[in-house]
Protein backbone atom coordinates (compact mmCIF):
# COMPACT_ATOMS: atom_id res chain seq x y z
CA MET A 1 0.00 0.19 0.11
CA ALA A 2 2.74 2.16 0.94
CA ALA A 3 4.62 1.73 -2.48
CA ARG A 4 1.09 2.30 -4.50
CA ARG A 5 1.14 5.75 -2.80
CA VAL A 6 4.45 6.88 -3.66
CA VAL A 7 3.86 5.81 -7.29
CA ALA A 8 0.70 7.66 -6.80
CA ARG A 9 1.87 10.64 -5.44
CA TRP A 10 4.87 10.85 -8.32
CA SER A 11 2.95 9.93 -11.20
CA THR A 12 -0.05 12.70 -10.59
CA PRO A 13 2.47 15.73 -11.08
CA LEU A 14 4.49 13.93 -13.60
CA ALA A 15 1.11 13.57 -16.06
CA ALA A 16 0.41 17.17 -15.58
CA ALA A 17 4.09 18.04 -16.37
CA LEU A 18 3.63 16.00 -19.36
CA LEU A 19 -0.04 17.48 -20.22
CA ALA A 20 2.04 21.12 -19.74
CA ALA A 21 4.35 20.13 -22.01
CA ILE A 22 2.02 18.96 -24.90
CA LEU A 23 -0.20 21.81 -24.61
CA VAL A 24 3.03 24.38 -24.96
CA ALA A 25 4.25 22.66 -28.08
CA LEU A 26 0.56 22.58 -29.60
CA ALA A 27 0.21 26.23 -29.09
CA VAL A 28 3.59 26.94 -30.67
CA SER A 29 3.39 24.61 -33.75
CA GLY A 30 -0.26 23.97 -34.05
CA ARG A 31 0.47 19.92 -34.14
CA TRP A 32 0.33 17.05 -31.64
CA PRO A 33 3.78 16.78 -31.15
CA GLU A 34 3.68 12.75 -30.65
CA LEU A 35 1.52 12.22 -33.22
CA ARG A 36 3.95 14.14 -36.00
CA SER A 37 6.12 11.15 -36.21
CA LYS A 38 3.28 8.63 -36.00
CA VAL A 39 0.62 9.31 -38.58
CA SER A 40 1.21 9.37 -42.12
CA ILE A 41 -1.33 11.19 -44.47
CA GLU A 42 -1.52 8.86 -47.58
CA SER A 43 -2.76 9.71 -50.75
CA LYS A 44 -6.34 8.15 -51.50
CA GLY A 45 -7.14 9.71 -54.56
CA LEU A 46 -6.13 8.67 -58.64
CA LEU A 47 -3.22 11.30 -58.32
CA ALA A 48 -0.40 9.24 -56.42
CA ILE A 49 1.95 12.33 -56.85
CA ALA A 50 1.42 15.38 -54.73
CA PRO A 51 -0.37 18.63 -55.95
CA ALA A 52 2.58 20.98 -55.63
CA GLU A 53 4.76 18.30 -57.83
CA ILE A 54 2.52 19.19 -61.13
CA TYR A 55 3.95 21.78 -63.36
CA ARG A 56 1.75 21.76 -65.66
CA VAL A 57 -2.23 20.96 -66.79
CA GLU A 58 -3.75 20.90 -69.87
CA VAL A 59 -7.67 20.36 -70.53
CA ARG A 60 -9.56 19.54 -73.00
CA SER A 61 -13.32 19.13 -73.85
CA GLY A 62 -14.76 18.76 -77.01
CA PRO A 63 -12.56 20.69 -79.65
CA ASP A 64 -11.15 23.35 -77.36
CA SER A 65 -8.43 23.04 -74.54
CA ILE A 66 -6.44 25.39 -72.41
CA ALA A 67 -2.75 24.79 -70.70
CA LEU A 68 -1.25 26.15 -67.76
CA HIS A 69 2.09 26.07 -66.09
CA ARG A 70 3.73 26.45 -63.03
CA GLU A 71 5.67 29.72 -62.53
CA PRO A 72 7.80 30.86 -59.42
CA SER A 73 5.17 33.53 -59.10
CA GLY A 74 2.12 31.41 -59.54
CA TRP A 75 0.02 29.89 -62.40
CA SER A 76 -0.01 30.82 -65.87
CA VAL A 77 -1.70 30.60 -69.31
CA ASP A 78 0.84 28.93 -71.59
CA GLU A 79 2.10 31.81 -74.38
CA LYS A 80 0.28 34.34 -72.06
CA PRO A 81 2.48 36.98 -69.90
CA GLY A 82 1.74 37.40 -66.06
CA VAL A 83 0.22 35.23 -63.74
CA VAL A 84 -3.85 33.93 -63.88
CA PRO A 85 -6.38 35.88 -61.35
CA ALA A 86 -6.30 34.31 -57.61
CA GLU A 87 -9.79 32.78 -57.76
CA LEU A 88 -8.76 30.73 -61.17
CA ALA A 89 -5.40 29.42 -59.39
CA LEU A 90 -7.34 28.43 -55.96
CA HIS A 91 -9.53 26.35 -58.30
CA LEU A 92 -6.83 24.63 -60.12
CA ASP A 93 -4.72 23.70 -56.94
CA THR A 94 -8.45 22.34 -55.62
CA ALA A 95 -9.10 20.58 -58.31
CA LEU A 96 -5.60 18.87 -58.41
CA ARG A 97 -5.79 18.12 -54.47
CA PHE A 98 -9.14 16.73 -55.30
CA MET A 99 -7.21 14.29 -57.82
CA ASN A 100 -5.12 13.63 -54.70
CA VAL A 101 -7.05 12.79 -51.74
CA SER A 102 -10.93 11.58 -53.01
CA GLU A 103 -10.87 8.09 -52.76
CA PRO A 104 -13.36 6.42 -55.42
CA THR A 105 -16.60 5.65 -54.67
CA ARG A 106 -16.13 2.64 -56.90
CA GLU A 107 -14.17 0.72 -58.93
CA ILE A 108 -15.29 -1.02 -61.94
CA PRO A 109 -12.56 -3.53 -62.86
CA ALA A 110 -11.86 -4.73 -66.79
CA SER A 111 -13.78 -8.31 -65.83
CA GLU A 112 -16.98 -6.31 -65.37
CA LEU A 113 -16.43 -4.30 -68.85
CA THR A 114 -17.13 -4.52 -72.35
CA ALA A 115 -16.32 -2.62 -75.53
CA LEU A 116 -19.60 -0.87 -75.18
CA SER A 117 -18.98 0.08 -71.94
CA PHE A 118 -16.80 3.41 -72.55
CA ALA A 119 -19.46 4.48 -74.63
CA GLU A 120 -22.02 3.83 -72.10
CA PHE A 121 -19.87 5.50 -69.31
CA GLY A 122 -19.83 8.69 -71.59
CA LEU A 123 -15.62 7.66 -71.84
CA ASP A 124 -15.59 7.36 -75.82
CA PRO A 125 -15.46 9.94 -76.11
CA PRO A 126 -14.92 11.59 -72.46
CA ALA A 127 -16.55 14.63 -71.76
CA THR A 128 -13.11 16.37 -70.20
CA VAL A 129 -9.54 15.18 -70.36
CA ALA A 130 -7.13 16.61 -68.05
CA VAL A 131 -3.04 16.19 -68.84
CA LEU A 132 -0.95 16.49 -65.76
CA GLU A 133 2.58 16.24 -65.81
CA SER A 134 4.77 16.54 -63.25
CA ARG A 135 8.35 18.37 -63.21
CA GLN A 136 10.02 14.74 -63.69
CA GLY A 137 8.28 14.85 -67.13
CA VAL A 138 5.48 11.92 -66.20
CA ALA A 139 2.23 12.78 -67.42
CA THR A 140 -0.99 11.12 -65.91
CA THR A 141 -4.33 11.38 -67.69
CA VAL A 142 -7.54 11.77 -66.77
CA ASN A 143 -10.46 11.32 -68.58
CA PHE A 144 -14.23 12.42 -67.10
CA GLY A 145 -17.35 10.87 -68.39
CA ALA A 146 -20.98 10.86 -67.60
CA LEU A 147 -22.30 11.35 -64.21
CA ASN A 148 -23.95 8.05 -63.00
CA PRO A 149 -27.92 7.22 -62.80
CA ALA A 150 -28.23 8.55 -59.41
CA GLY A 151 -26.03 12.06 -60.61
CA THR A 152 -23.82 11.77 -57.80
CA SER A 153 -20.56 10.50 -59.45
CA HIS A 154 -18.72 10.64 -62.69
CA TYR A 155 -17.21 7.81 -64.38
CA VAL A 156 -13.68 8.37 -64.81
CA ARG A 157 -10.71 6.39 -66.21
CA LEU A 158 -7.00 6.92 -66.20
CA GLY A 159 -5.09 6.83 -69.73
CA GLY A 160 -4.01 3.42 -70.56
CA ALA A 161 -6.02 1.80 -67.82
CA PRO A 162 -8.73 -0.41 -68.30
CA THR A 163 -10.43 0.18 -64.96
CA VAL A 164 -13.45 2.76 -64.70
CA TYR A 165 -13.69 4.31 -61.79
CA LEU A 166 -16.78 6.18 -59.84
CA MET A 167 -15.37 9.40 -58.39
CA ALA A 168 -18.00 12.09 -56.46
CA ARG A 169 -19.74 14.65 -58.50
CA HIS A 170 -17.56 17.79 -57.05
CA VAL A 171 -13.99 16.50 -58.27
CA GLY A 172 -15.12 16.65 -62.17
CA ALA A 173 -17.10 20.19 -61.57
CA GLU A 174 -13.73 21.75 -59.86
CA TRP A 175 -11.99 20.92 -63.67
CA ARG A 176 -14.94 22.33 -65.34
CA VAL A 177 -14.90 25.33 -63.63
CA VAL A 178 -10.84 25.59 -64.50
CA PHE A 179 -11.33 24.88 -68.02
CA ASP A 180 -14.21 27.52 -67.96
CA MET A 181 -12.53 30.35 -66.46
CA THR A 182 -9.29 30.12 -68.38
CA ARG A 183 -11.17 29.83 -71.24
CA ARG A 184 -13.31 33.01 -70.52
CA LEU A 185 -9.98 34.89 -69.51
CA GLN A 186 -8.30 33.81 -73.14
CA GLY A 187 -11.70 35.01 -74.80
CA GLN A 188 -11.37 38.26 -73.18
CA ALA A 189 -7.54 38.96 -73.82
CA GLU A 190 -8.22 38.22 -77.58
CA ALA A 191 -10.99 40.35 -78.17
CA ALA A 192 -9.07 43.04 -76.11
CA VAL A 193 -6.53 42.80 -78.90
CA ALA A 194 -8.78 42.31 -81.71
CA SER A 195 -11.38 45.38 -80.58
CA ARG A 196 -10.03 47.03 -77.54
CA ARG A 197 -13.34 46.65 -75.73
CA THR A 198 -13.60 46.62 -71.93
CA SER A 199 -13.49 43.30 -69.88
CA LEU A 200 -16.16 41.25 -68.92
CA LEU A 201 -17.37 41.48 -65.10
CA LEU A 202 -17.43 37.84 -64.18
CA PRO A 203 -14.35 35.37 -64.26
CA VAL A 204 -16.68 32.18 -64.86
CA SER A 205 -20.06 31.66 -67.02
CA VAL A 206 -22.79 31.03 -66.07
CA ALA A 207 -23.11 27.75 -67.08
CA GLN A 208 -20.67 26.84 -64.15
CA VAL A 209 -23.03 28.63 -61.47
CA TRP A 210 -25.45 26.42 -59.63
CA ALA A 211 -26.62 28.63 -56.98
CA ILE A 212 -26.89 32.49 -56.83
CA GLU A 213 -28.06 34.37 -53.79
CA ILE A 214 -28.94 37.69 -53.90
CA VAL A 215 -28.78 40.58 -50.85
CA PHE A 216 -31.00 43.45 -51.53
CA ALA A 217 -32.94 45.61 -48.87
CA GLY A 218 -32.11 43.52 -46.06
CA ARG A 219 -33.18 40.28 -47.81
CA LEU A 220 -31.72 37.39 -49.25
CA THR A 221 -33.25 35.24 -51.86
CA ARG A 222 -31.40 32.37 -53.26
CA PHE A 223 -32.03 30.88 -56.64
CA GLU A 224 -31.04 27.12 -57.47
CA ARG A 225 -31.05 24.58 -60.69
CA ASP A 226 -32.87 21.31 -60.50
CA ALA A 227 -31.88 18.34 -61.55
CA ALA A 228 -32.28 19.18 -65.23
CA GLY A 229 -30.63 22.47 -64.82
CA ASN A 230 -33.13 24.91 -64.60
CA TRP A 231 -33.52 27.50 -62.30
CA PHE A 232 -36.59 28.37 -59.14
CA ARG A 233 -36.38 30.30 -56.36
CA HIS A 234 -35.60 28.20 -53.30
CA ILE A 235 -38.48 29.01 -51.47
CA GLY A 236 -41.87 29.06 -52.80
CA GLN A 237 -41.42 28.94 -56.52
CA HIS A 238 -40.89 25.23 -57.38
CA THR A 239 -42.49 21.88 -56.94
CA HIS A 240 -41.33 18.61 -55.54
CA ALA A 241 -41.14 15.51 -57.68
CA ALA A 242 -43.70 12.75 -56.32
CA GLY A 243 -42.39 10.72 -53.37
CA ASP A 244 -39.30 12.39 -52.88
CA ASN A 245 -37.85 15.90 -52.04
CA THR A 246 -36.17 16.59 -55.45
CA HIS A 247 -36.92 20.48 -56.47
CA VAL A 248 -38.74 20.80 -59.60
CA ALA A 249 -38.42 24.16 -61.15
CA ASP A 250 -41.45 25.75 -62.59
CA PRO A 251 -41.13 26.36 -66.26
CA ALA A 252 -42.74 29.96 -66.49
CA GLN A 253 -40.26 30.98 -63.42
CA ALA A 254 -37.31 29.47 -64.86
CA ARG A 255 -37.49 31.10 -68.25
CA ILE A 256 -37.98 34.51 -66.17
CA ILE A 257 -34.88 33.66 -63.85
CA GLU A 258 -32.99 31.87 -66.89
CA THR A 259 -32.99 35.59 -68.92
CA ALA A 260 -32.46 37.42 -65.89
CA LEU A 261 -29.33 35.50 -64.66
CA GLY A 262 -28.09 34.37 -68.27
CA ALA A 263 -27.37 38.23 -69.21
CA PHE A 264 -24.57 38.02 -66.42
CA ASP A 265 -22.42 35.90 -69.50
CA ALA A 266 -22.31 39.20 -71.26
CA THR A 267 -21.82 41.85 -68.49
CA ALA A 268 -18.85 44.23 -69.41
CA VAL A 269 -16.98 46.43 -67.46
CA GLU A 270 -17.73 50.01 -68.43
CA THR A 271 -14.17 51.84 -66.85
CA HIS A 272 -11.76 50.78 -64.33
CA VAL A 273 -11.73 53.06 -61.36
CA GLY A 274 -8.88 52.05 -59.30
CA PRO A 275 -7.88 49.90 -56.29
CA ALA A 276 -10.51 48.99 -54.04
CA ASP A 277 -9.10 50.99 -50.82
CA ALA A 278 -10.96 52.00 -47.90
CA ALA A 279 -11.19 55.41 -48.94
CA ARG A 280 -12.97 54.48 -52.33
CA LEU A 281 -15.26 52.11 -50.93
CA ALA A 282 -16.88 54.65 -48.81
CA ARG A 283 -16.71 57.38 -51.36
CA TYR A 284 -18.27 55.14 -54.05
CA GLY A 285 -20.85 53.25 -52.14
CA LEU A 286 -18.99 50.07 -51.40
CA ALA A 287 -18.22 49.84 -47.84
CA TRP A 288 -22.11 49.17 -47.27
CA PRO A 289 -23.13 47.93 -50.90
CA THR A 290 -26.59 48.65 -52.06
CA LEU A 291 -27.13 45.15 -53.73
CA MET A 292 -24.47 42.01 -53.67
CA VAL A 293 -24.76 38.83 -55.74
CA LEU A 294 -22.96 35.85 -54.68
CA PHE A 295 -21.84 33.11 -57.50
CA TYR A 296 -21.76 29.11 -56.07
CA ALA A 297 -20.63 25.96 -58.29
CA ARG A 298 -22.67 22.77 -57.90
CA ASP A 299 -21.41 20.95 -54.48
CA SER A 300 -20.10 24.03 -52.90
CA SER A 301 -20.74 26.42 -49.58
CA THR A 302 -17.85 28.47 -50.74
CA PRO A 303 -19.18 31.26 -53.53
CA LEU A 304 -17.10 31.39 -56.93
CA THR A 305 -17.20 34.96 -56.58
CA ARG A 306 -18.99 37.85 -54.83
CA LEU A 307 -20.26 40.75 -56.59
CA GLU A 308 -20.95 44.18 -55.03
CA PHE A 309 -22.49 47.16 -56.38
CA GLY A 310 -22.49 50.57 -54.73
CA ALA A 311 -23.56 53.99 -55.75
CA ALA A 312 -24.68 55.33 -58.93
CA ALA A 313 -21.47 56.78 -61.29
CA ASP A 314 -24.06 58.40 -62.58
CA SER A 315 -27.62 58.43 -64.60
CA LEU A 316 -26.48 55.37 -66.50
CA ASP A 317 -23.66 53.60 -64.42
CA ARG A 318 -22.96 52.31 -60.94
CA TYR A 319 -19.82 51.63 -59.04
CA ALA A 320 -19.29 47.89 -58.48
CA ARG A 321 -16.26 45.42 -57.56
CA LEU A 322 -15.62 41.52 -57.29
CA ALA A 323 -15.08 40.92 -53.69
CA PRO A 324 -12.82 40.40 -51.46
CA ASP A 325 -10.18 41.58 -53.79
CA GLY A 326 -10.96 42.89 -56.87
CA ALA A 327 -10.91 46.57 -57.98
CA VAL A 328 -13.61 49.02 -57.96
CA VAL A 329 -15.48 49.42 -61.40
CA THR A 330 -18.72 50.53 -63.15
CA VAL A 331 -20.99 48.75 -65.21
CA ALA A 332 -24.06 49.40 -66.72
CA GLU A 333 -26.95 50.91 -64.25
CA PHE A 334 -29.55 48.38 -66.20
CA GLU A 335 -27.48 45.38 -64.87
CA VAL A 336 -28.69 46.10 -61.52
CA ARG A 337 -31.90 47.08 -62.72
CA ARG A 338 -32.49 43.68 -64.05
CA LEU A 339 -31.89 42.00 -60.86
CA THR A 340 -34.27 44.25 -59.17
CA GLU A 341 -36.94 43.39 -61.57
CA LEU A 342 -36.39 39.83 -61.07
CA LEU A 343 -36.62 39.86 -57.61
CA ARG A 344 -40.24 41.64 -58.02
CA ALA A 345 -40.92 39.18 -60.89
CA VAL A 346 -40.27 36.34 -58.47
CA GLY A 347 -42.54 37.85 -55.33
CA ALA A 348 -39.06 38.82 -53.39
CA GLY A 349 -38.73 42.18 -54.28
CA SER A 350 -39.32 45.30 -51.66
């Protein structure tokens, strides 16, 4: 009994001292020190190589293709000077990370495939192809096919391998966003050289947007696409399919919403005002925007971009910016009016 009391008397302060040391190490390093050398994070995705080792990316869809390579200062489009905008670089890094860490939900081996399987899975030809090259010259080709019948996953095949995988829908969606943003960026540069016109406002096409939230007059109104890609107001302007909770857009409302939101594809910058410093934000009514629009990709709760409208620049234009890093610009006043008229048309206006 005496020996036990001695052990207990010493073990309690030792345990307290060990816990204090762990807490200090955690506060300094942000990691649990005793696990740092014992836990290994292994790739579970189709891409075994670390995303940081990918030097060049080429993405093809139909007859079109884009290519980007990594510079010390960031990602650049092939044969174009300068680095790409931050939002494009973010989506490219996310797409590479998904390929590295996202585990297939199902693997269909060659023994279960026939000569017609690739066509049935949308892989002959594939809808999207991503070619990923490492600095060591190793290239991996990833073929994205159709969605599965449930609409939750894409059929995917690595070049040169017969196995077909089911990968979560958001993995392929990131590559489509990267392709769209890059094509849109290239199109603006080509048009600017040809006609000297101003640039498009949004960095992404509306076709890649699955939900839009509009904040106006103290209210938030959310629009989404149903399974068929048709727009509906999330509350009040849709029905549910029989026997389930799937949203189904009302055709009349869908046409009204599509007309208004689809116009964003052509929204152009009228003038470039300058950096969005605090003084400019207050001066142009952007410290407290009169209207905000948030654009979301499918399966994502993080906005692709946030568009803010401020005060009127004159009777025809209004100050705006892409938050949080975009410069102050002006756009046509009818861009705001189209949105407020949409809110009234679907019963969400003030």
